[in-house]
């Protein structure tokens, strides 16, 4: 459903939000390890997240990545998806056709429209803060535990 980059972006953002602060920044290597992502790929993803004001970064010996607390309340999963994958998931055709709408629907248009609307509502209605609680309580995970 999401691109691999988007999956990693969501996981990275959640990890950073749950474990970092302006006083306690996390390095790219730590983030990549925590989400099972290659370091170079993680770096490119984090650049996009910084550019879209989802994640903050500082350079230097005490540098790293963090998410401001107020950002966790106002950043929705849909913001991350939009930053990495664009808006295709919110507007695109279920079969990937360039033109698909009510006037010229693809074979799955009506069924997919309902699913797409539900997914959009979930992505736009779920904040980073909403998801961090499960991580803090150990009820949800970003990496499979063997």
N, C-alpha and C. Protein backbone atom coordinates (compact mmCIF):
# COMPACT_ATOMS: atom_id res chain seq x y z
N UNK A 1 0.83 -1.19 0.00
CA UNK A 1 0.00 0.00 0.00
C UNK A 1 0.88 1.25 0.00
N UNK A 2 1.82 1.34 0.94
CA UNK A 2 2.77 2.46 0.96
C UNK A 2 4.05 1.99 0.30
N UNK A 3 4.82 2.93 -0.20
CA UNK A 3 6.15 2.59 -0.72
C UNK A 3 7.03 2.18 0.47
N UNK A 4 8.11 1.48 0.17
CA UNK A 4 9.05 1.07 1.22
C UNK A 4 9.60 2.32 1.92
N UNK A 5 9.88 3.37 1.15
CA UNK A 5 10.38 4.62 1.74
C UNK A 5 9.36 5.19 2.72
N UNK A 6 8.10 5.14 2.37
CA UNK A 6 7.06 5.67 3.24
C UNK A 6 6.92 4.84 4.51
N UNK A 7 7.00 3.52 4.38
CA UNK A 7 6.95 2.65 5.56
C UNK A 7 8.09 3.00 6.52
N UNK A 8 9.29 3.13 5.98
CA UNK A 8 10.45 3.50 6.81
C UNK A 8 10.28 4.89 7.40
N UNK A 9 9.72 5.81 6.63
CA UNK A 9 9.52 7.18 7.12
C UNK A 9 8.57 7.20 8.32
N UNK A 10 7.50 6.44 8.23
CA UNK A 10 6.55 6.38 9.35
C UNK A 10 7.23 5.77 10.57
N UNK A 11 7.93 4.67 10.37
CA UNK A 11 8.61 4.01 11.49
C UNK A 11 9.69 4.91 12.08
N UNK A 12 10.47 5.57 11.22
CA UNK A 12 11.53 6.46 11.71
C UNK A 12 10.94 7.62 12.51
N UNK A 13 9.90 8.23 11.98
CA UNK A 13 9.29 9.37 12.67
C UNK A 13 8.75 8.96 14.02
N UNK A 14 8.08 7.81 14.06
CA UNK A 14 7.54 7.34 15.34
C UNK A 14 8.66 7.02 16.33
N UNK A 15 9.73 6.40 15.84
CA UNK A 15 10.85 6.09 16.72
C UNK A 15 11.47 7.37 17.28
N UNK A 16 11.71 8.33 16.40
CA UNK A 16 12.30 9.59 16.84
C UNK A 16 11.38 10.29 17.83
N UNK A 17 10.11 10.36 17.52
CA UNK A 17 9.15 11.05 18.39
C UNK A 17 9.06 10.38 19.77
N UNK A 18 9.16 9.07 19.79
CA UNK A 18 9.03 8.34 21.05
C UNK A 18 10.30 8.32 21.88
N UNK A 19 11.47 8.51 21.25
CA UNK A 19 12.73 8.33 21.97
C UNK A 19 13.68 9.51 21.98
N UNK A 20 13.32 10.60 21.30
CA UNK A 20 14.25 11.72 21.22
C UNK A 20 13.58 13.01 21.67
N UNK A 21 14.42 13.96 22.03
CA UNK A 21 13.95 15.30 22.39
C UNK A 21 15.03 16.28 21.96
N UNK A 22 14.76 17.54 22.12
CA UNK A 22 15.75 18.55 21.75
C UNK A 22 17.04 18.37 22.57
N UNK A 23 16.90 17.83 23.77
CA UNK A 23 18.07 17.59 24.62
C UNK A 23 18.71 16.23 24.34
N UNK A 24 17.97 15.31 23.75
CA UNK A 24 18.44 13.94 23.55
C UNK A 24 18.17 13.52 22.10
N UNK A 25 19.05 13.95 21.20
CA UNK A 25 18.86 13.68 19.78
C UNK A 25 19.34 12.26 19.44
N UNK A 26 18.83 11.73 18.32
CA UNK A 26 19.19 10.38 17.89
C UNK A 26 19.93 10.46 16.56
N UNK A 27 20.96 9.66 16.41
CA UNK A 27 21.75 9.64 15.18
C UNK A 27 21.06 8.81 14.10
N UNK A 28 21.48 9.04 12.87
CA UNK A 28 20.94 8.27 11.74
C UNK A 28 21.20 6.78 11.95
N UNK A 29 22.38 6.43 12.42
CA UNK A 29 22.71 5.01 12.63
C UNK A 29 21.78 4.37 13.65
N UNK A 30 21.50 5.09 14.73
CA UNK A 30 20.58 4.56 15.74
C UNK A 30 19.17 4.37 15.18
N UNK A 31 18.72 5.34 14.40
CA UNK A 31 17.38 5.27 13.80
C UNK A 31 17.31 4.10 12.83
N UNK A 32 18.30 4.00 11.95
CA UNK A 32 18.32 2.91 10.96
C UNK A 32 18.30 1.55 11.63
N UNK A 33 19.08 1.40 12.68
CA UNK A 33 19.11 0.14 13.42
C UNK A 33 17.75 -0.16 14.07
N UNK A 34 17.14 0.85 14.64
CA UNK A 34 15.87 0.66 15.35
C UNK A 34 14.73 0.27 14.43
N UNK A 35 14.81 0.68 13.15
CA UNK A 35 13.70 0.40 12.23
C UNK A 35 14.09 -0.61 11.14
N UNK A 36 15.27 -1.22 11.26
CA UNK A 36 15.77 -2.20 10.29
C UNK A 36 15.82 -1.63 8.87
N UNK A 37 16.43 -0.48 8.73
CA UNK A 37 16.53 0.19 7.43
C UNK A 37 18.00 0.46 7.12
N UNK A 38 18.40 0.38 5.86
CA UNK A 38 19.78 0.74 5.51
C UNK A 38 20.06 2.21 5.87
N UNK A 39 21.25 2.49 6.34
CA UNK A 39 21.61 3.83 6.80
C UNK A 39 21.46 4.88 5.69
N UNK A 40 21.98 4.59 4.50
CA UNK A 40 21.91 5.57 3.41
C UNK A 40 20.46 5.86 3.02
N UNK A 41 19.65 4.82 2.98
CA UNK A 41 18.23 5.00 2.65
C UNK A 41 17.53 5.81 3.73
N UNK A 42 17.85 5.52 4.98
CA UNK A 42 17.28 6.25 6.11
C UNK A 42 17.66 7.73 6.02
N UNK A 43 18.90 8.02 5.65
CA UNK A 43 19.36 9.41 5.54
C UNK A 43 18.54 10.17 4.51
N UNK A 44 18.27 9.57 3.37
CA UNK A 44 17.47 10.22 2.33
C UNK A 44 16.05 10.47 2.80
N UNK A 45 15.49 9.52 3.49
CA UNK A 45 14.13 9.66 4.01
C UNK A 45 14.08 10.78 5.05
N UNK A 46 15.06 10.81 5.94
CA UNK A 46 15.09 11.84 6.98
C UNK A 46 15.24 13.23 6.37
N UNK A 47 15.98 13.35 5.28
CA UNK A 47 16.10 14.64 4.60
C UNK A 47 14.72 15.14 4.17
N UNK A 48 13.91 14.25 3.62
CA UNK A 48 12.56 14.63 3.20
C UNK A 48 11.69 15.02 4.39
N UNK A 49 11.83 14.29 5.49
CA UNK A 49 11.04 14.60 6.67
C UNK A 49 11.44 15.94 7.28
N UNK A 50 12.72 16.26 7.26
CA UNK A 50 13.20 17.56 7.75
C UNK A 50 12.69 18.66 6.83
N UNK A 51 12.82 18.44 5.53
CA UNK A 51 12.37 19.43 4.54
C UNK A 51 10.89 19.75 4.70
N UNK A 52 10.10 18.77 5.13
CA UNK A 52 8.65 18.95 5.30
C UNK A 52 8.26 19.29 6.74
N UNK A 53 9.25 19.66 7.56
CA UNK A 53 9.03 20.11 8.95
C UNK A 53 8.32 19.08 9.82
N UNK A 54 8.59 17.81 9.58
CA UNK A 54 8.03 16.75 10.40
C UNK A 54 9.04 16.35 11.47
N UNK A 55 10.30 16.32 11.08
CA UNK A 55 11.41 15.98 11.97
C UNK A 55 12.37 17.15 11.97
N UNK A 56 13.02 17.38 13.10
CA UNK A 56 14.03 18.43 13.24
C UNK A 56 15.41 17.77 13.27
N UNK A 57 16.42 18.52 12.86
CA UNK A 57 17.78 18.00 12.93
C UNK A 57 18.75 19.11 13.27
N UNK A 58 19.85 18.70 13.89
CA UNK A 58 20.95 19.62 14.15
C UNK A 58 22.23 18.89 13.77
N UNK A 59 23.23 19.67 13.33
CA UNK A 59 24.51 19.09 12.92
C UNK A 59 25.52 19.25 14.04
N UNK A 60 26.62 18.55 13.90
CA UNK A 60 27.71 18.69 14.85
C UNK A 60 27.82 17.52 15.79
N UNK A 61 28.78 17.61 16.72
CA UNK A 61 29.05 16.51 17.64
C UNK A 61 27.85 16.11 18.51
N UNK A 62 27.02 17.08 18.86
CA UNK A 62 25.85 16.76 19.67
C UNK A 62 24.58 16.81 18.82
N UNK A 63 24.75 16.66 17.52
CA UNK A 63 23.63 16.74 16.59
C UNK A 63 22.86 15.44 16.51
N UNK A 64 21.81 15.48 15.72
CA UNK A 64 20.97 14.31 15.51
C UNK A 64 19.56 14.75 15.18
N UNK A 65 18.64 13.84 15.33
CA UNK A 65 17.25 14.08 14.97
C UNK A 65 16.35 14.04 16.19
N UNK A 66 15.28 14.83 16.13
CA UNK A 66 14.29 14.86 17.20
C UNK A 66 12.99 15.41 16.64
N UNK A 67 11.92 15.25 17.40
CA UNK A 67 10.62 15.80 17.05
C UNK A 67 10.15 16.63 18.23
N UNK A 68 9.78 17.87 17.98
CA UNK A 68 9.27 18.72 19.04
C UNK A 68 7.95 18.16 19.57
N UNK A 69 7.71 18.31 20.85
CA UNK A 69 6.49 17.77 21.44
C UNK A 69 5.23 18.31 20.76
N UNK A 70 5.21 19.61 20.47
CA UNK A 70 4.01 20.16 19.83
C UNK A 70 3.79 19.58 18.44
N UNK A 71 4.87 19.17 17.79
CA UNK A 71 4.76 18.54 16.47
C UNK A 71 4.05 17.20 16.56
N UNK A 72 4.24 16.48 17.67
CA UNK A 72 3.58 15.17 17.80
C UNK A 72 2.06 15.31 17.85
N UNK A 73 1.59 16.45 18.31
CA UNK A 73 0.14 16.67 18.41
C UNK A 73 -0.46 17.15 17.09
N UNK A 74 0.34 17.78 16.25
CA UNK A 74 -0.22 18.35 15.02
C UNK A 74 0.17 17.59 13.76
N UNK A 75 1.11 16.66 13.86
CA UNK A 75 1.52 15.88 12.69
C UNK A 75 0.71 14.60 12.61
N UNK A 76 0.05 14.43 11.48
CA UNK A 76 -0.77 13.24 11.24
C UNK A 76 -0.01 12.27 10.34
N UNK A 77 -0.37 11.01 10.39
CA UNK A 77 0.26 10.03 9.51
C UNK A 77 0.16 10.46 8.06
N UNK A 78 -0.96 11.07 7.70
CA UNK A 78 -1.14 11.55 6.33
C UNK A 78 -0.10 12.56 5.92
N UNK A 79 0.41 13.34 6.86
CA UNK A 79 1.46 14.32 6.56
C UNK A 79 2.75 13.61 6.14
N UNK A 80 3.05 12.51 6.82
CA UNK A 80 4.25 11.73 6.49
C UNK A 80 4.09 11.08 5.12
N UNK A 81 2.93 10.48 4.90
CA UNK A 81 2.65 9.84 3.61
C UNK A 81 2.76 10.86 2.49
N UNK A 82 2.18 12.02 2.68
CA UNK A 82 2.22 13.09 1.67
C UNK A 82 3.65 13.53 1.40
N UNK A 83 4.47 13.64 2.46
CA UNK A 83 5.85 14.09 2.31
C UNK A 83 6.70 13.10 1.51
N UNK A 84 6.41 11.82 1.64
CA UNK A 84 7.24 10.80 0.99
C UNK A 84 6.63 10.29 -0.31
N UNK A 85 5.34 9.95 -0.30
CA UNK A 85 4.69 9.34 -1.46
C UNK A 85 3.80 10.28 -2.26
N UNK A 86 3.60 11.49 -1.77
CA UNK A 86 2.68 12.40 -2.46
C UNK A 86 1.24 12.07 -2.12
N UNK A 87 0.32 12.50 -2.97
CA UNK A 87 -1.10 12.34 -2.64
C UNK A 87 -1.81 11.23 -3.41
N UNK A 88 -1.07 10.38 -4.09
CA UNK A 88 -1.69 9.32 -4.90
C UNK A 88 -2.60 8.42 -4.07
N UNK A 89 -2.22 8.12 -2.85
CA UNK A 89 -3.04 7.24 -2.02
C UNK A 89 -4.38 7.88 -1.67
N UNK A 90 -4.43 9.21 -1.69
CA UNK A 90 -5.66 9.92 -1.36
C UNK A 90 -6.54 10.16 -2.58
N UNK A 91 -5.94 10.11 -3.77
CA UNK A 91 -6.69 10.43 -4.99
C UNK A 91 -6.59 9.37 -6.07
N UNK A 92 -5.61 8.47 -5.97
CA UNK A 92 -5.31 7.56 -7.06
C UNK A 92 -6.34 6.46 -7.31
N UNK A 93 -6.20 5.86 -8.46
CA UNK A 93 -7.05 4.75 -8.90
C UNK A 93 -6.56 3.45 -8.25
N UNK A 94 -7.47 2.59 -7.88
CA UNK A 94 -7.13 1.30 -7.29
C UNK A 94 -6.36 0.40 -8.23
N UNK A 95 -6.50 0.61 -9.53
CA UNK A 95 -5.77 -0.18 -10.53
C UNK A 95 -4.60 0.61 -11.13
N UNK A 96 -4.39 1.83 -10.65
CA UNK A 96 -3.27 2.63 -11.12
C UNK A 96 -3.50 3.32 -12.45
N UNK A 97 -4.76 3.42 -12.89
CA UNK A 97 -5.04 4.09 -14.16
C UNK A 97 -4.84 5.60 -14.00
N UNK A 98 -4.39 6.23 -15.07
CA UNK A 98 -4.13 7.68 -15.03
C UNK A 98 -5.42 8.47 -14.85
N UNK A 99 -6.49 8.03 -15.48
CA UNK A 99 -7.78 8.71 -15.33
C UNK A 99 -8.83 7.71 -14.86
N UNK A 100 -9.36 7.97 -13.71
CA UNK A 100 -10.39 7.12 -13.13
C UNK A 100 -11.20 8.01 -12.20
N UNK A 101 -12.48 8.15 -12.50
CA UNK A 101 -13.37 8.94 -11.65
C UNK A 101 -14.79 8.43 -11.83
N UNK A 102 -15.72 9.09 -11.21
CA UNK A 102 -17.13 8.65 -11.26
C UNK A 102 -17.67 8.65 -12.69
N UNK A 103 -17.17 9.55 -13.52
CA UNK A 103 -17.65 9.63 -14.90
C UNK A 103 -17.04 8.55 -15.79
N UNK A 104 -15.83 8.14 -15.47
CA UNK A 104 -15.14 7.11 -16.26
C UNK A 104 -14.41 6.17 -15.30
N UNK A 105 -15.19 5.34 -14.55
CA UNK A 105 -14.60 4.51 -13.50
C UNK A 105 -13.90 3.25 -14.02
N UNK A 106 -12.89 2.83 -13.28
CA UNK A 106 -12.27 1.54 -13.55
C UNK A 106 -13.17 0.46 -12.93
N UNK A 107 -12.90 -0.82 -13.17
CA UNK A 107 -13.76 -1.88 -12.65
C UNK A 107 -13.88 -1.94 -11.12
N UNK A 108 -12.87 -1.42 -10.39
CA UNK A 108 -12.93 -1.47 -8.92
C UNK A 108 -13.16 -0.10 -8.29
N UNK A 109 -13.49 0.90 -9.10
CA UNK A 109 -13.61 2.27 -8.63
C UNK A 109 -14.51 2.42 -7.40
N UNK A 110 -15.73 1.95 -7.48
CA UNK A 110 -16.68 2.16 -6.38
C UNK A 110 -16.26 1.45 -5.10
N UNK A 111 -15.74 0.23 -5.20
CA UNK A 111 -15.28 -0.49 -4.02
C UNK A 111 -14.03 0.16 -3.43
N UNK A 112 -13.11 0.57 -4.32
CA UNK A 112 -11.87 1.17 -3.85
C UNK A 112 -12.10 2.55 -3.26
N UNK A 113 -13.05 3.28 -3.77
CA UNK A 113 -13.35 4.62 -3.26
C UNK A 113 -13.67 4.57 -1.77
N UNK A 114 -14.45 3.60 -1.36
CA UNK A 114 -14.80 3.44 0.05
C UNK A 114 -13.56 3.13 0.89
N UNK A 115 -12.74 2.23 0.40
CA UNK A 115 -11.50 1.87 1.12
C UNK A 115 -10.57 3.07 1.19
N UNK A 116 -10.41 3.76 0.08
CA UNK A 116 -9.53 4.93 0.04
C UNK A 116 -10.01 6.01 1.00
N UNK A 117 -11.32 6.24 1.06
CA UNK A 117 -11.86 7.24 1.98
C UNK A 117 -11.63 6.85 3.43
N UNK A 118 -11.81 5.57 3.75
CA UNK A 118 -11.55 5.10 5.12
C UNK A 118 -10.07 5.24 5.49
N UNK A 119 -9.20 4.88 4.55
CA UNK A 119 -7.76 5.00 4.78
C UNK A 119 -7.37 6.46 4.97
N UNK A 120 -7.91 7.32 4.13
CA UNK A 120 -7.63 8.75 4.24
C UNK A 120 -8.08 9.29 5.59
N UNK A 121 -9.26 8.89 6.03
CA UNK A 121 -9.77 9.34 7.34
C UNK A 121 -8.85 8.87 8.47
N UNK A 122 -8.37 7.64 8.38
CA UNK A 122 -7.47 7.12 9.42
C UNK A 122 -6.15 7.88 9.40
N UNK A 123 -5.58 8.09 8.22
CA UNK A 123 -4.29 8.79 8.12
C UNK A 123 -4.40 10.24 8.56
N UNK A 124 -5.48 10.91 8.23
CA UNK A 124 -5.66 12.32 8.59
C UNK A 124 -6.15 12.49 10.03
N UNK A 125 -6.66 11.41 10.62
CA UNK A 125 -7.18 11.50 11.97
C UNK A 125 -6.27 10.95 13.05
N UNK A 126 -5.11 10.43 12.66
CA UNK A 126 -4.19 9.81 13.61
C UNK A 126 -2.91 10.63 13.70
N UNK A 127 -2.60 11.12 14.89
CA UNK A 127 -1.39 11.91 15.09
C UNK A 127 -0.25 11.03 15.60
N UNK A 128 0.95 11.58 15.53
CA UNK A 128 2.11 10.89 16.11
C UNK A 128 1.87 10.65 17.60
N UNK A 129 1.31 11.63 18.26
CA UNK A 129 1.04 11.51 19.70
C UNK A 129 0.13 10.31 19.98
N UNK A 130 -0.89 10.13 19.15
CA UNK A 130 -1.81 9.00 19.32
C UNK A 130 -1.07 7.67 19.31
N UNK A 131 -0.08 7.54 18.44
CA UNK A 131 0.62 6.27 18.28
C UNK A 131 1.76 6.07 19.27
N UNK A 132 2.29 7.14 19.80
CA UNK A 132 3.41 7.04 20.75
C UNK A 132 3.01 6.35 22.04
N UNK A 133 1.77 6.47 22.45
CA UNK A 133 1.33 5.88 23.71
C UNK A 133 1.54 4.37 23.70
N UNK A 134 1.16 3.71 22.61
CA UNK A 134 1.35 2.26 22.51
C UNK A 134 2.81 1.87 22.54
N UNK A 135 3.67 2.68 21.93
CA UNK A 135 5.10 2.40 21.96
C UNK A 135 5.65 2.53 23.38
N UNK A 136 5.25 3.60 24.07
CA UNK A 136 5.73 3.81 25.44
C UNK A 136 5.27 2.71 26.38
N UNK A 137 4.06 2.21 26.18
CA UNK A 137 3.52 1.16 27.04
C UNK A 137 4.00 -0.23 26.66
N UNK A 138 4.71 -0.34 25.53
CA UNK A 138 5.18 -1.64 25.06
C UNK A 138 4.07 -2.48 24.45
N UNK A 139 2.96 -1.84 24.05
CA UNK A 139 1.85 -2.55 23.45
C UNK A 139 1.99 -2.64 21.93
N UNK A 140 2.78 -1.74 21.34
CA UNK A 140 3.04 -1.76 19.91
C UNK A 140 4.54 -1.68 19.67
N UNK A 141 4.96 -2.11 18.48
CA UNK A 141 6.38 -2.23 18.19
C UNK A 141 6.69 -1.74 16.78
N UNK A 142 7.91 -1.26 16.58
CA UNK A 142 8.37 -0.83 15.27
C UNK A 142 9.32 -1.83 14.64
N UNK A 143 9.69 -2.84 15.39
CA UNK A 143 10.64 -3.85 14.92
C UNK A 143 10.23 -5.19 15.52
N UNK A 144 10.23 -6.19 14.68
CA UNK A 144 9.84 -7.53 15.14
C UNK A 144 10.86 -8.02 16.16
N UNK A 145 10.35 -8.50 17.27
CA UNK A 145 11.21 -9.04 18.32
C UNK A 145 11.25 -10.55 18.16
N UNK A 146 12.47 -11.10 18.07
CA UNK A 146 12.60 -12.55 17.87
C UNK A 146 12.55 -13.30 19.16
